[in-house]
Amino acid sequence: MRHNCAVRAHCQVSLSLRVLGEDPVAGVGLPHVCAGSGHDLLSQSDSDGAQLYVIRQGGC
């Protein structure tokens, strides 16, 4: 699984990103990637057989 949390495009604006994933292992890896990148995983839920993640951009 490859993650690229390049959400830091505009540091002065707090962005939220909705990610829909089909890989069940993302539920383990994505929280660690976000924490290591300074982003916040706001929610994690199932949606029609896929996983829905809401991520808020961290500070720069």
PDB file of N, CA and C in Angstrom:
ATOM      1  N   MET A   1       0.839  -1.166   0.000  1.00  0.00           N
ATOM      2  CA  MET A   1       0.000   0.000   0.000  1.00  0.00           C
ATOM      3  C   MET A   1       0.888   1.233   0.000  1.00  0.00           C
ATOM      4  N   ARG A   2       0.559   2.176  -0.836  1.00  0.00           N
ATOM      5  CA  ARG A   2       1.359   3.391  -0.936  1.00  0.00           C
ATOM      6  C   ARG A   2       0.514   4.578  -0.488  1.00  0.00           C
ATOM      7  N   HIS A   3       1.049   5.368   0.418  1.00  0.00           N
ATOM      8  CA  HIS A   3       0.351   6.554   0.904  1.00  0.00           C
ATOM      9  C   HIS A   3       1.162   7.786   0.544  1.00  0.00           C
ATOM     10  N   ASN A   4       0.473   8.809   0.161  1.00  0.00           N
ATOM     11  CA  ASN A   4       1.129  10.083  -0.080  1.00  0.00           C
ATOM     12  C   ASN A   4       0.226  11.170   0.467  1.00  0.00           C
ATOM     13  N   CYS A   5       0.493  11.614   1.674  1.00  0.00           N
ATOM     14  CA  CYS A   5      -0.335  12.647   2.306  1.00  0.00           C
ATOM     15  C   CYS A   5       0.233  14.025   1.981  1.00  0.00           C
ATOM     16  N   ALA A   6       0.251  14.367   0.712  1.00  0.00           N
ATOM     17  CA  ALA A   6       0.744  15.680   0.296  1.00  0.00           C
ATOM     18  C   ALA A   6      -0.414  16.665   0.309  1.00  0.00           C
ATOM     19  N   VAL A   7      -0.941  16.911   1.500  1.00  0.00           N
ATOM     20  CA  VAL A   7      -2.113  17.763   1.649  1.00  0.00           C
ATOM     21  C   VAL A   7      -1.698  19.166   2.075  1.00  0.00           C
ATOM     22  N   ARG A   8      -0.420  19.447   2.159  1.00  0.00           N
ATOM     23  CA  ARG A   8       0.089  20.708   2.695  1.00  0.00           C
ATOM     24  C   ARG A   8       0.202  21.799   1.644  1.00  0.00           C
ATOM     25  N   ALA A   9      -0.672  21.828   0.680  1.00  0.00           N
ATOM     26  CA  ALA A   9      -0.558  22.781  -0.413  1.00  0.00           C
ATOM     27  C   ALA A   9      -0.642  24.223   0.067  1.00  0.00           C
ATOM     28  N   HIS A  10      -1.585  24.534   0.937  1.00  0.00           N
ATOM     29  CA  HIS A  10      -1.760  25.883   1.459  1.00  0.00           C
ATOM     30  C   HIS A  10      -1.844  25.794   2.974  1.00  0.00           C
ATOM     31  N   CYS A  11      -0.777  26.095   3.644  1.00  0.00           N
ATOM     32  CA  CYS A  11      -0.683  25.874   5.080  1.00  0.00           C
ATOM     33  C   CYS A  11      -1.616  26.760   5.893  1.00  0.00           C
ATOM     34  N   GLN A  12      -1.985  27.913   5.365  1.00  0.00           N
ATOM     35  CA  GLN A  12      -2.832  28.800   6.136  1.00  0.00           C
ATOM     36  C   GLN A  12      -4.305  28.387   6.084  1.00  0.00           C
ATOM     37  N   VAL A  13      -4.670  27.476   5.214  1.00  0.00           N
ATOM     38  CA  VAL A  13      -6.039  27.011   5.091  1.00  0.00           C
ATOM     39  C   VAL A  13      -6.129  25.586   5.629  1.00  0.00           C
ATOM     40  N   SER A  14      -7.060  25.340   6.526  1.00  0.00           N
ATOM     41  CA  SER A  14      -7.250  23.993   7.061  1.00  0.00           C
ATOM     42  C   SER A  14      -8.142  23.209   6.104  1.00  0.00           C
ATOM     43  N   LEU A  15      -7.570  22.227   5.453  1.00  0.00           N
ATOM     44  CA  LEU A  15      -8.290  21.434   4.469  1.00  0.00           C
ATOM     45  C   LEU A  15      -8.775  20.131   5.077  1.00  0.00           C
ATOM     46  N   SER A  16      -9.924  19.671   4.632  1.00  0.00           N
ATOM     47  CA  SER A  16     -10.412  18.343   4.980  1.00  0.00           C
ATOM     48  C   SER A  16     -10.490  17.534   3.703  1.00  0.00           C
ATOM     49  N   LEU A  17     -10.123  16.282   3.810  1.00  0.00           N
ATOM     50  CA  LEU A  17     -10.080  15.394   2.662  1.00  0.00           C
ATOM     51  C   LEU A  17     -10.862  14.141   2.988  1.00  0.00           C
ATOM     52  N   ARG A  18     -11.765  13.753   2.097  1.00  0.00           N
ATOM     53  CA  ARG A  18     -12.491  12.491   2.251  1.00  0.00           C
ATOM     54  C   ARG A  18     -11.836  11.473   1.339  1.00  0.00           C
ATOM     55  N   VAL A  19     -11.460  10.332   1.897  1.00  0.00           N
ATOM     56  CA  VAL A  19     -10.781   9.279   1.151  1.00  0.00           C
ATOM     57  C   VAL A  19     -11.640   8.028   1.212  1.00  0.00           C
ATOM     58  N   LEU A  20     -11.934   7.446   0.070  1.00  0.00           N
ATOM     59  CA  LEU A  20     -12.686   6.209  -0.011  1.00  0.00           C
ATOM     60  C   LEU A  20     -11.716   5.121  -0.431  1.00  0.00           C
ATOM     61  N   GLY A  21     -11.548   4.110   0.412  1.00  0.00           N
ATOM     62  CA  GLY A  21     -10.577   3.061   0.146  1.00  0.00           C
ATOM     63  C   GLY A  21     -11.231   1.699   0.048  1.00  0.00           C
ATOM     64  N   GLU A  22     -10.627   0.826  -0.739  1.00  0.00           N
ATOM     65  CA  GLU A  22     -11.114  -0.539  -0.881  1.00  0.00           C
ATOM     66  C   GLU A  22     -10.158  -1.551  -0.262  1.00  0.00           C
ATOM     67  N   ASP A  23      -9.053  -1.100   0.251  1.00  0.00           N
ATOM     68  CA  ASP A  23      -8.057  -1.974   0.863  1.00  0.00           C
ATOM     69  C   ASP A  23      -8.278  -1.991   2.371  1.00  0.00           C
ATOM     70  N   PRO A  24      -8.715  -3.117   2.941  1.00  0.00           N
ATOM     71  CA  PRO A  24      -8.989  -3.160   4.381  1.00  0.00           C
ATOM     72  C   PRO A  24      -7.763  -2.882   5.244  1.00  0.00           C
ATOM     73  N   VAL A  25      -6.576  -3.077   4.721  1.00  0.00           N
ATOM     74  CA  VAL A  25      -5.346  -2.824   5.478  1.00  0.00           C
ATOM     75  C   VAL A  25      -5.105  -1.320   5.642  1.00  0.00           C
ATOM     76  N   ALA A  26      -5.750  -0.506   4.829  1.00  0.00           N
ATOM     77  CA  ALA A  26      -5.599   0.948   4.951  1.00  0.00           C
ATOM     78  C   ALA A  26      -6.051   1.435   6.321  1.00  0.00           C
ATOM     79  N   GLY A  27      -6.984   0.727   6.942  1.00  0.00           N
ATOM     80  CA  GLY A  27      -7.444   1.088   8.276  1.00  0.00           C
ATOM     81  C   GLY A  27      -6.367   0.982   9.327  1.00  0.00           C
ATOM     82  N   VAL A  28      -5.331   0.219   9.045  1.00  0.00           N
ATOM     83  CA  VAL A  28      -4.193   0.097   9.948  1.00  0.00           C
ATOM     84  C   VAL A  28      -3.113   1.109   9.584  1.00  0.00           C
ATOM     85  N   GLY A  29      -2.807   1.234   8.300  1.00  0.00           N
ATOM     86  CA  GLY A  29      -1.700   2.073   7.859  1.00  0.00           C
ATOM     87  C   GLY A  29      -2.001   3.552   7.772  1.00  0.00           C
ATOM     88  N   LEU A  30      -3.187   3.909   7.332  1.00  0.00           N
ATOM     89  CA  LEU A  30      -3.509   5.319   7.120  1.00  0.00           C
ATOM     90  C   LEU A  30      -3.447   6.158   8.397  1.00  0.00           C
ATOM     91  N   PRO A  31      -3.950   5.678   9.529  1.00  0.00           N
ATOM     92  CA  PRO A  31      -3.801   6.469  10.755  1.00  0.00           C
ATOM     93  C   PRO A  31      -2.338   6.754  11.113  1.00  0.00           C
ATOM     94  N   HIS A  32      -1.454   5.785  10.883  1.00  0.00           N
ATOM     95  CA  HIS A  32      -0.034   5.986  11.179  1.00  0.00           C
ATOM     96  C   HIS A  32       0.601   6.978  10.219  1.00  0.00           C
ATOM     97  N   VAL A  33       0.232   6.894   8.946  1.00  0.00           N
ATOM     98  CA  VAL A  33       0.762   7.826   7.948  1.00  0.00           C
ATOM     99  C   VAL A  33       0.334   9.248   8.284  1.00  0.00           C
ATOM    100  N   CYS A  34      -0.941   9.416   8.632  1.00  0.00           N
ATOM    101  CA  CYS A  34      -1.443  10.752   8.969  1.00  0.00           C
ATOM    102  C   CYS A  34      -0.751  11.302  10.212  1.00  0.00           C
ATOM    103  N   ALA A  35      -0.629  10.480  11.239  1.00  0.00           N
ATOM    104  CA  ALA A  35       0.025  10.927  12.476  1.00  0.00           C
ATOM    105  C   ALA A  35       1.483  11.297  12.218  1.00  0.00           C
ATOM    106  N   GLY A  36       2.172  10.508  11.408  1.00  0.00           N
ATOM    107  CA  GLY A  36       3.563  10.792  11.095  1.00  0.00           C
ATOM    108  C   GLY A  36       3.747  12.012  10.224  1.00  0.00           C
ATOM    109  N   SER A  37       2.689  12.406   9.500  1.00  0.00           N
ATOM    110  CA  SER A  37       2.749  13.566   8.612  1.00  0.00           C
ATOM    111  C   SER A  37       2.159  14.817   9.246  1.00  0.00           C
ATOM    112  N   GLY A  38       1.645  14.681  10.471  1.00  0.00           N
ATOM    113  CA  GLY A  38       1.076  15.832  11.154  1.00  0.00           C
ATOM    114  C   GLY A  38      -0.379  16.113  10.812  1.00  0.00           C
ATOM    115  N   HIS A  39      -1.057  15.149  10.184  1.00  0.00           N
ATOM    116  CA  HIS A  39      -2.459  15.312   9.828  1.00  0.00           C
ATOM    117  C   HIS A  39      -3.326  14.591  10.861  1.00  0.00           C
ATOM    118  N   ASP A  40      -4.617  14.960  10.925  1.00  0.00           N
ATOM    119  CA  ASP A  40      -5.542  14.346  11.870  1.00  0.00           C
ATOM    120  C   ASP A  40      -6.541  13.475  11.132  1.00  0.00           C
ATOM    121  N   LEU A  41      -6.654  12.215  11.564  1.00  0.00           N
ATOM    122  CA  LEU A  41      -7.688  11.341  11.041  1.00  0.00           C
ATOM    123  C   LEU A  41      -8.941  11.616  11.863  1.00  0.00           C
ATOM    124  N   LEU A  42      -9.915  12.320  11.282  1.00  0.00           N
ATOM    125  CA  LEU A  42     -11.102  12.750  12.009  1.00  0.00           C
ATOM    126  C   LEU A  42     -12.119  11.632  12.175  1.00  0.00           C
ATOM    127  N   SER A  43     -12.278  10.804  11.149  1.00  0.00           N
ATOM    128  CA  SER A  43     -13.222   9.695  11.250  1.00  0.00           C
ATOM    129  C   SER A  43     -12.826   8.578  10.307  1.00  0.00           C
ATOM    130  N   GLN A  44     -13.337   7.404  10.634  1.00  0.00           N
ATOM    131  CA  GLN A  44     -13.044   6.196   9.880  1.00  0.00           C
ATOM    132  C   GLN A  44     -14.299   5.338   9.982  1.00  0.00           C
ATOM    133  N   SER A  45     -14.924   5.010   8.836  1.00  0.00           N
ATOM    134  CA  SER A  45     -16.163   4.240   8.860  1.00  0.00           C
ATOM    135  C   SER A  45     -16.289   3.399   7.594  1.00  0.00           C
ATOM    136  N   ASP A  46     -17.220   2.456   7.619  1.00  0.00           N
ATOM    137  CA  ASP A  46     -17.508   1.629   6.450  1.00  0.00           C
ATOM    138  C   ASP A  46     -18.630   2.269   5.649  1.00  0.00           C
ATOM    139  N   SER A  47     -18.511   2.185   4.322  1.00  0.00           N
ATOM    140  CA  SER A  47     -19.514   2.766   3.436  1.00  0.00           C
ATOM    141  C   SER A  47     -19.678   1.872   2.215  1.00  0.00           C
ATOM    142  N   ASP A  48     -20.734   1.095   2.180  1.00  0.00           N
ATOM    143  CA  ASP A  48     -21.037   0.217   1.039  1.00  0.00           C
ATOM    144  C   ASP A  48     -19.872  -0.693   0.650  1.00  0.00           C
ATOM    145  N   GLY A  49     -19.280  -1.370   1.602  1.00  0.00           N
ATOM    146  CA  GLY A  49     -18.202  -2.309   1.320  1.00  0.00           C
ATOM    147  C   GLY A  49     -16.834  -1.677   1.177  1.00  0.00           C
ATOM    148  N   ALA A  50     -16.733  -0.378   1.339  1.00  0.00           N
ATOM    149  CA  ALA A  50     -15.448   0.320   1.280  1.00  0.00           C
ATOM    150  C   ALA A  50     -15.263   1.080   2.593  1.00  0.00           C
ATOM    151  N   GLN A  51     -14.080   1.620   2.787  1.00  0.00           N
ATOM    152  CA  GLN A  51     -13.793   2.382   4.000  1.00  0.00           C
ATOM    153  C   GLN A  51     -13.747   3.866   3.653  1.00  0.00           C
ATOM    154  N   LEU A  52     -14.378   4.667   4.496  1.00  0.00           N
ATOM    155  CA  LEU A  52     -14.390   6.111   4.311  1.00  0.00           C
ATOM    156  C   LEU A  52     -13.568   6.749   5.425  1.00  0.00           C
ATOM    157  N   TYR A  53     -12.614   7.588   5.048  1.00  0.00           N
ATOM    158  CA  TYR A  53     -11.743   8.282   5.992  1.00  0.00           C
ATOM    159  C   TYR A  53     -11.886   9.777   5.767  1.00  0.00           C
ATOM    160  N   VAL A  54     -11.930  10.532   6.844  1.00  0.00           N
ATOM    161  CA  VAL A  54     -11.927  11.996   6.752  1.00  0.00           C
ATOM    162  C   VAL A  54     -10.661  12.477   7.452  1.00  0.00           C
ATOM    163  N   ILE A  55      -9.833  13.205   6.720  1.00  0.00           N
ATOM    164  CA  ILE A  55      -8.521  13.637   7.192  1.00  0.00           C
ATOM    165  C   ILE A  55      -8.477  15.171   7.179  1.00  0.00           C
ATOM    166  N   ARG A  56      -7.960  15.768   8.253  1.00  0.00           N
ATOM    167  CA  ARG A  56      -7.767  17.222   8.295  1.00  0.00           C
ATOM    168  C   ARG A  56      -6.279  17.504   8.185  1.00  0.00           C
ATOM    169  N   GLN A  57      -5.966  18.456   7.341  1.00  0.00           N
ATOM    170  CA  GLN A  57      -4.576  18.870   7.118  1.00  0.00           C
ATOM    171  C   GLN A  57      -3.970  19.361   8.421  1.00  0.00           C
ATOM    172  N   GLY A  58      -2.749  18.933   8.680  1.00  0.00           N
ATOM    173  CA  GLY A  58      -2.004  19.418   9.831  1.00  0.00           C
ATOM    174  C   GLY A  58      -1.283  20.708   9.509  1.00  0.00           C
ATOM    175  N   GLY A  59      -0.690  21.303  10.521  1.00  0.00           N
ATOM    176  CA  GLY A  59       0.071  22.540  10.327  1.00  0.00           C
ATOM    177  C   GLY A  59       1.385  22.287   9.631  1.00  0.00           C
ATOM    178  N   CYS A  60       1.999  23.350   9.178  1.00  0.00           N
ATOM    179  CA  CYS A  60       3.272  23.233   8.452  1.00  0.00           C
ATOM    180  C   CYS A  60       4.455  23.337   9.374  1.00  0.00           C
TER     181      CYS A  60
END
